[in-house]
Amino acid sequence: MISRSRSESSSLGAERDAALHPLGDRAASGSILHGTRKREMMNRKEKRRLRQKMRRLLRLIPQFLRLIIGLLGDRRVSGVDKAILAAALVYTLTPIDTIADFIPFFGLVDDAFLIALALTRLLYRAGEAPLREHWEGEGDIVTLIHTMRRVSEYFLPPHIRRHLLGKVEG
């Protein structure tokens, strides 16, 4: 087993986050995504690019729901994780939730964020294998999960983000 110092492993985590983040180093380090002033500092081109990326991710929600359904039947997934995945599935399929689904674009962002949180939790608890086996969509599922979580965070107001985090953690 390779032993890494704490600073070395945190730097590797930062590099991974920067590589996975749609806006690169600045956004992964938190300089763009946190705080309203920093959001205002994004130029129009970056905002447009982020919105386009979110739209592409929202189109993948049906594939993510099929993934969740497949994971609910997988023996490698714990009972607690299955309950969280089932709750995310029900939340997504319910038309009235934190942000009502009939509101274009923003109505699905909270659903995408909750799906990404539930799958991120599962990723760290069960590993990549179950996710990769049940994923039928295009692209790398692990990268998509991290990207969807980070892009969704940008569009959600902080109080809604905290509310949804409470649903997964609590």
Protein backbone atom coordinates (compact mmCIF):
# COMPACT_ATOMS: atom_id res chain seq x y z
CA MET A 1 0.00 0.00 0.00
CA ILE A 2 1.37 3.42 -0.94
CA SER A 3 1.50 5.91 1.90
CA ARG A 4 0.95 9.57 1.08
CA SER A 5 1.36 12.61 3.25
CA ARG A 6 -1.75 14.56 4.13
CA SER A 7 -0.73 17.55 1.96
CA GLU A 8 0.11 15.27 -0.97
CA SER A 9 -3.25 13.48 -0.82
CA SER A 10 -5.19 16.75 -0.45
CA SER A 11 -3.35 18.14 -3.47
CA LEU A 12 -4.31 15.02 -5.45
CA GLY A 13 -7.93 15.53 -4.40
CA ALA A 14 -7.80 19.15 -5.54
CA GLU A 15 -6.32 18.08 -8.90
CA ARG A 16 -9.10 15.50 -9.34
CA ASP A 17 -11.77 18.05 -8.45
CA ALA A 18 -10.30 20.57 -10.91
CA ALA A 19 -10.21 17.98 -13.67
CA LEU A 20 -13.81 16.97 -13.04
CA HIS A 21 -15.15 20.46 -12.68
CA PRO A 22 -16.69 21.99 -15.80
CA LEU A 23 -14.99 25.34 -15.23
CA GLY A 24 -11.56 24.03 -14.24
CA ASP A 25 -9.25 25.07 -11.40
CA ARG A 26 -10.94 28.32 -10.41
CA ALA A 27 -14.35 26.74 -9.90
CA ALA A 28 -13.05 23.56 -8.24
CA SER A 29 -11.17 25.61 -5.68
CA GLY A 30 -14.40 27.36 -4.78
CA SER A 31 -13.45 30.76 -6.14
CA ILE A 32 -16.42 30.82 -8.52
CA LEU A 33 -19.16 28.66 -7.09
CA HIS A 34 -19.42 29.98 -3.55
CA GLY A 35 -20.81 33.37 -2.69
CA THR A 36 -22.93 35.74 -4.71
CA ARG A 37 -20.10 38.19 -5.43
CA LYS A 38 -17.99 35.46 -6.92
CA ARG A 39 -20.93 34.30 -9.02
CA GLU A 40 -21.34 37.82 -10.33
CA MET A 41 -17.67 37.80 -11.35
CA MET A 42 -18.26 35.01 -13.87
CA ASN A 43 -18.39 36.39 -17.35
CA ARG A 44 -21.34 35.77 -19.65
CA LYS A 45 -19.48 33.16 -21.66
CA GLU A 46 -18.72 31.08 -18.55
CA LYS A 47 -22.33 31.37 -17.35
CA ARG A 48 -23.65 30.33 -20.77
CA ARG A 49 -21.27 27.38 -20.90
CA LEU A 50 -22.32 26.27 -17.42
CA ARG A 51 -26.02 26.53 -18.32
CA GLN A 52 -25.43 24.44 -21.49
CA LYS A 53 -23.59 21.80 -19.48
CA MET A 54 -26.48 21.67 -16.99
CA ARG A 55 -28.99 21.23 -19.82
CA ARG A 56 -26.97 18.29 -21.18
CA LEU A 57 -26.87 16.74 -17.71
CA LEU A 58 -30.61 17.24 -17.21
CA ARG A 59 -31.23 15.24 -20.38
CA LEU A 60 -29.48 12.32 -18.67
CA ILE A 61 -31.92 12.19 -15.73
CA PRO A 62 -33.93 9.29 -17.25
CA GLN A 63 -30.71 7.28 -17.60
CA PHE A 64 -29.77 8.10 -14.01
CA LEU A 65 -33.20 6.91 -12.87
CA ARG A 66 -32.68 3.61 -14.72
CA LEU A 67 -29.29 3.35 -12.99
CA ILE A 68 -30.94 3.85 -9.60
CA ILE A 69 -33.57 1.20 -10.35
CA GLY A 70 -30.80 -1.24 -11.31
CA LEU A 71 -28.85 -0.44 -8.14
CA LEU A 72 -31.93 -1.07 -5.97
CA GLY A 73 -31.73 -4.74 -6.97
CA ASP A 74 -27.95 -5.07 -6.50
CA ARG A 75 -26.82 -7.11 -3.47
CA ARG A 76 -23.62 -5.05 -3.12
CA VAL A 77 -25.69 -1.98 -2.19
CA SER A 78 -26.50 -1.72 1.52
CA GLY A 79 -30.04 -1.34 2.82
CA VAL A 80 -29.38 2.25 3.92
CA ASP A 81 -28.04 3.18 0.49
CA LYS A 82 -31.02 1.51 -1.17
CA ALA A 83 -33.36 3.57 1.02
CA ILE A 84 -31.52 6.78 0.06
CA LEU A 85 -31.61 5.84 -3.64
CA ALA A 86 -35.33 5.00 -3.40
CA ALA A 87 -36.01 8.34 -1.71
CA ALA A 88 -34.09 10.16 -4.47
CA LEU A 89 -36.10 8.23 -7.07
CA VAL A 90 -39.44 9.12 -5.44
CA TYR A 91 -38.38 12.76 -4.97
CA THR A 92 -37.44 12.99 -8.65
CA LEU A 93 -40.66 11.42 -9.87
CA THR A 94 -42.84 13.61 -7.64
CA PRO A 95 -43.84 16.73 -9.59
CA ILE A 96 -44.09 18.98 -6.52
CA ASP A 97 -40.91 19.20 -4.47
CA THR A 98 -38.45 21.85 -3.25
CA ILE A 99 -38.48 23.53 -6.66
CA ALA A 100 -41.60 22.49 -8.59
CA ASP A 101 -40.73 20.47 -11.71
CA PHE A 102 -43.02 22.51 -13.95
CA ILE A 103 -40.61 25.46 -13.65
CA PRO A 104 -38.42 25.16 -16.74
CA PHE A 105 -34.78 24.29 -16.13
CA PHE A 106 -34.67 25.11 -12.39
CA GLY A 107 -37.41 22.61 -11.59
CA LEU A 108 -35.07 19.78 -12.51
CA VAL A 109 -31.85 21.15 -11.02
CA ASP A 110 -32.81 20.16 -7.47
CA ASP A 111 -33.66 16.66 -8.73
CA ALA A 112 -30.26 16.39 -10.45
CA PHE A 113 -28.49 17.59 -7.31
CA LEU A 114 -30.25 15.04 -5.08
CA ILE A 115 -29.57 12.20 -7.55
CA ALA A 116 -25.90 13.20 -7.70
CA LEU A 117 -25.66 13.33 -3.91
CA ALA A 118 -27.22 9.90 -3.46
CA LEU A 119 -24.98 8.39 -6.15
CA THR A 120 -21.88 10.12 -4.75
CA ARG A 121 -22.61 8.60 -1.34
CA LEU A 122 -23.03 5.18 -2.92
CA LEU A 123 -19.83 5.64 -4.93
CA TYR A 124 -17.81 6.19 -1.77
CA ARG A 125 -19.51 3.37 0.15
CA ALA A 126 -19.86 0.61 -2.48
CA GLY A 127 -17.19 1.60 -4.98
CA GLU A 128 -17.34 2.15 -8.73
CA ALA A 129 -18.14 -1.43 -9.80
CA PRO A 130 -21.92 -1.45 -9.16
CA LEU A 131 -22.32 1.96 -10.78
CA ARG A 132 -20.31 1.02 -13.86
CA GLU A 133 -22.15 -2.30 -14.27
CA HIS A 134 -25.61 -0.72 -14.17
CA TRP A 135 -24.79 2.42 -16.21
CA GLU A 136 -26.21 2.17 -19.72
CA GLY A 137 -25.59 5.74 -20.81
CA GLU A 138 -22.73 7.45 -22.58
CA GLY A 139 -19.72 8.80 -20.78
CA ASP A 140 -17.94 7.86 -17.61
CA ILE A 141 -20.51 7.52 -14.83
CA VAL A 142 -18.12 8.62 -12.08
CA THR A 143 -17.16 11.81 -13.91
CA LEU A 144 -20.82 12.50 -14.74
CA ILE A 145 -21.88 12.15 -11.10
CA HIS A 146 -19.21 14.57 -9.87
CA THR A 147 -19.90 17.03 -12.67
CA MET A 148 -23.67 16.94 -12.10
CA ARG A 149 -23.23 17.58 -8.39
CA ARG A 150 -20.91 20.55 -8.92
CA VAL A 151 -22.87 22.16 -11.75
CA SER A 152 -26.15 21.74 -9.84
CA GLU A 153 -24.60 23.46 -6.82
CA TYR A 154 -24.06 26.58 -8.88
CA PHE A 155 -27.73 26.92 -9.80
CA LEU A 156 -29.24 26.08 -6.41
CA PRO A 157 -29.66 28.76 -3.77
CA PRO A 158 -27.73 27.89 -0.58
CA HIS A 159 -30.86 27.28 1.54
CA ILE A 160 -32.21 24.74 -0.96
CA ARG A 161 -28.81 23.06 -1.15
CA ARG A 162 -28.76 22.71 2.65
CA HIS A 163 -32.33 21.36 2.63
CA LEU A 164 -31.45 18.67 0.08
CA LEU A 165 -28.22 17.78 1.87
CA GLY A 166 -30.31 17.19 4.97
CA LYS A 167 -32.46 14.69 3.05
CA VAL A 168 -29.41 12.59 2.13
CA GLU A 169 -27.49 12.91 5.40
CA GLY A 170 -30.45 12.66 7.76
